[in-house]
Amino acid sequence: MNIDILKISTLSLLVAGQMAFASGNLNDKNLILEDIIYLEEETASLDFDTDTYLPEDFNPYAGPTNVLHVSYIEKAEEIDLGFDTREYLPEGFNPYQCDFDINSIEYIDENDLFEVDFDTREYLPANFNASIGR
């Protein structure tokens, strides 16, 4: 929540600064800090008591006492589908093998000329001019 307020305050200051530069009258005597309106922090109401769901003496700003006791990665449970999936996969199947080469993608540059292998005038109306309307 504080990050959002900081972002909004920063954005407000940037807009005020842009407006001052746009007017061309920016100098030290025109800038009054007391005139800047700051957004007040709004308190969020969760409509329930969070203390009942948190441990006693909980401090959200305190770091862990021992970093080695913090488990960052949970071990994934193996899912039993009730049948052997190897019967339905090709031999030597490896789901982690990458069969795609990123260098095989051909990128088209919008500045490259595009040549059509046929005469387009046969398919366009008489007196067609592509430059009209630009």
Protein backbone atom coordinates (compact mmCIF):
# COMPACT_ATOMS: atom_id res chain seq x y z
CA MET A 1 0.00 0.00 0.00
CA ASN A 2 2.87 2.38 0.85
CA ILE A 3 4.48 1.65 -2.51
CA ASP A 4 1.27 2.70 -4.28
CA ILE A 5 1.17 5.95 -2.34
CA LEU A 6 4.82 6.57 -3.14
CA LYS A 7 4.15 5.95 -6.84
CA ILE A 8 1.15 8.29 -6.87
CA SER A 9 3.05 10.99 -5.00
CA THR A 10 6.00 10.71 -7.38
CA LEU A 11 3.68 10.85 -10.37
CA SER A 12 1.96 13.93 -8.93
CA LEU A 13 5.30 15.66 -8.45
CA LEU A 14 6.35 14.80 -12.00
CA VAL A 15 3.12 16.22 -13.40
CA ALA A 16 3.53 19.38 -11.33
CA GLY A 17 7.10 19.72 -12.58
CA GLN A 18 6.03 19.22 -16.20
CA MET A 19 3.34 21.86 -15.82
CA ALA A 20 5.88 24.29 -14.37
CA PHE A 21 8.31 23.68 -17.22
CA ALA A 22 5.51 24.03 -19.79
CA SER A 23 4.51 27.42 -18.46
CA GLY A 24 8.09 28.68 -18.83
CA ASN A 25 7.91 30.57 -15.51
CA LEU A 26 9.95 28.16 -13.40
CA ASN A 27 12.25 29.86 -11.00
CA ASP A 28 12.98 29.50 -7.28
CA LYS A 29 10.56 32.17 -6.08
CA ASN A 30 7.56 30.59 -7.91
CA LEU A 31 8.03 27.12 -6.38
CA ILE A 32 6.36 26.92 -2.96
CA LEU A 33 6.65 23.50 -1.35
CA GLU A 34 3.68 24.14 0.94
CA ASP A 35 1.41 24.40 -2.11
CA ILE A 36 2.16 20.81 -3.15
CA ILE A 37 -0.77 18.55 -2.29
CA TYR A 38 0.25 15.19 -0.90
CA LEU A 39 -2.07 12.20 -0.94
CA GLU A 40 -2.89 10.93 2.50
CA GLU A 41 -2.47 7.26 3.27
CA GLU A 42 -5.78 5.46 3.27
CA THR A 43 -6.33 2.70 5.77
CA ALA A 44 -7.64 -0.52 4.30
CA SER A 45 -10.47 -2.28 6.05
CA LEU A 46 -10.36 -6.06 5.69
CA ASP A 47 -13.62 -6.57 7.63
CA PHE A 48 -12.07 -9.25 9.86
CA ASP A 49 -9.55 -9.41 12.66
CA THR A 50 -6.15 -10.39 11.25
CA ASP A 51 -4.77 -11.12 14.72
CA THR A 52 -6.69 -14.39 14.89
CA TYR A 53 -4.84 -15.69 11.82
CA LEU A 54 -1.32 -14.62 12.80
CA PRO A 55 1.02 -16.12 15.41
CA GLU A 56 1.46 -14.39 18.76
CA ASP A 57 4.10 -11.62 18.77
CA PHE A 58 3.95 -11.44 14.95
CA ASN A 59 6.02 -8.61 13.50
CA PRO A 60 5.71 -8.19 9.72
CA TYR A 61 8.80 -5.96 9.63
CA ALA A 62 11.10 -8.37 11.46
CA GLY A 63 13.34 -10.59 9.38
CA PRO A 64 13.63 -14.33 9.96
CA THR A 65 15.80 -15.23 12.95
CA ASN A 66 17.56 -18.00 11.05
CA VAL A 67 17.53 -17.91 7.26
CA LEU A 68 18.29 -21.63 7.05
CA HIS A 69 14.91 -22.43 8.62
CA VAL A 70 13.02 -20.67 5.83
CA SER A 71 11.79 -23.08 3.16
CA TYR A 72 11.60 -21.26 -0.15
CA ILE A 73 10.82 -24.25 -2.36
CA GLU A 74 8.15 -26.74 -1.54
CA LYS A 75 8.65 -30.26 -2.76
CA ALA A 76 6.07 -31.11 -5.39
CA GLU A 77 3.78 -33.97 -4.62
CA GLU A 78 3.80 -36.82 -7.09
CA ILE A 79 0.42 -37.23 -8.69
CA ASP A 80 -0.89 -40.75 -9.14
CA LEU A 81 -3.06 -40.89 -12.25
CA GLY A 82 -3.92 -44.53 -11.72
CA PHE A 83 -2.12 -45.74 -14.86
CA ASP A 84 1.41 -45.83 -16.29
CA THR A 85 1.90 -42.83 -18.57
CA ARG A 86 4.90 -44.42 -20.31
CA GLU A 87 2.50 -46.62 -22.29
CA TYR A 88 1.02 -43.52 -23.97
CA LEU A 89 4.27 -41.65 -24.73
CA PRO A 90 6.78 -42.28 -27.52
CA GLU A 91 9.97 -44.19 -26.75
CA GLY A 92 12.71 -42.00 -25.37
CA PHE A 93 10.27 -39.19 -24.55
CA ASN A 94 11.85 -36.45 -22.46
CA PRO A 95 9.55 -33.58 -21.44
CA TYR A 96 12.56 -31.41 -20.58
CA GLN A 97 14.30 -31.82 -23.94
CA CYS A 98 14.11 -28.75 -26.16
CA ASP A 99 13.51 -29.61 -29.83
CA PHE A 100 13.17 -25.99 -30.83
CA ASP A 101 16.05 -23.88 -32.11
CA ILE A 102 15.48 -20.17 -31.50
CA ASN A 103 17.86 -19.34 -34.35
CA SER A 104 15.56 -21.10 -36.84
CA ILE A 105 13.03 -18.24 -36.69
CA GLU A 106 13.15 -16.02 -39.76
CA TYR A 107 12.40 -12.44 -38.85
CA ILE A 108 10.93 -10.12 -41.48
CA ASP A 109 12.24 -6.60 -41.42
CA GLU A 110 9.54 -4.08 -42.26
CA ASN A 111 12.08 -2.14 -44.32
CA ASP A 112 12.80 -5.11 -46.60
CA LEU A 113 11.20 -4.98 -50.02
CA PHE A 114 8.45 -7.49 -50.60
CA GLU A 115 8.30 -8.90 -54.10
CA VAL A 116 5.10 -10.45 -55.40
CA ASP A 117 5.52 -13.19 -58.01
CA PHE A 118 2.60 -11.94 -60.13
CA ASP A 119 1.43 -8.70 -61.69
CA THR A 120 -0.91 -7.01 -59.20
CA ARG A 121 -2.33 -4.66 -61.82
CA GLU A 122 -4.43 -7.54 -63.17
CA TYR A 123 -6.29 -7.71 -59.83
CA LEU A 124 -6.75 -3.98 -59.17
CA PRO A 125 -9.41 -1.67 -60.61
CA ALA A 126 -8.55 0.59 -63.54
CA ASN A 127 -6.89 3.90 -62.56
CA PHE A 128 -6.02 2.53 -59.09
CA ASN A 129 -3.63 4.77 -57.17
CA ALA A 130 -2.36 3.52 -53.77
CA SER A 131 -1.02 6.98 -52.87
CA ILE A 132 -4.43 8.65 -52.82
CA GLY A 133 -5.69 9.29 -49.31
CA ARG A 134 -2.32 9.73 -47.67
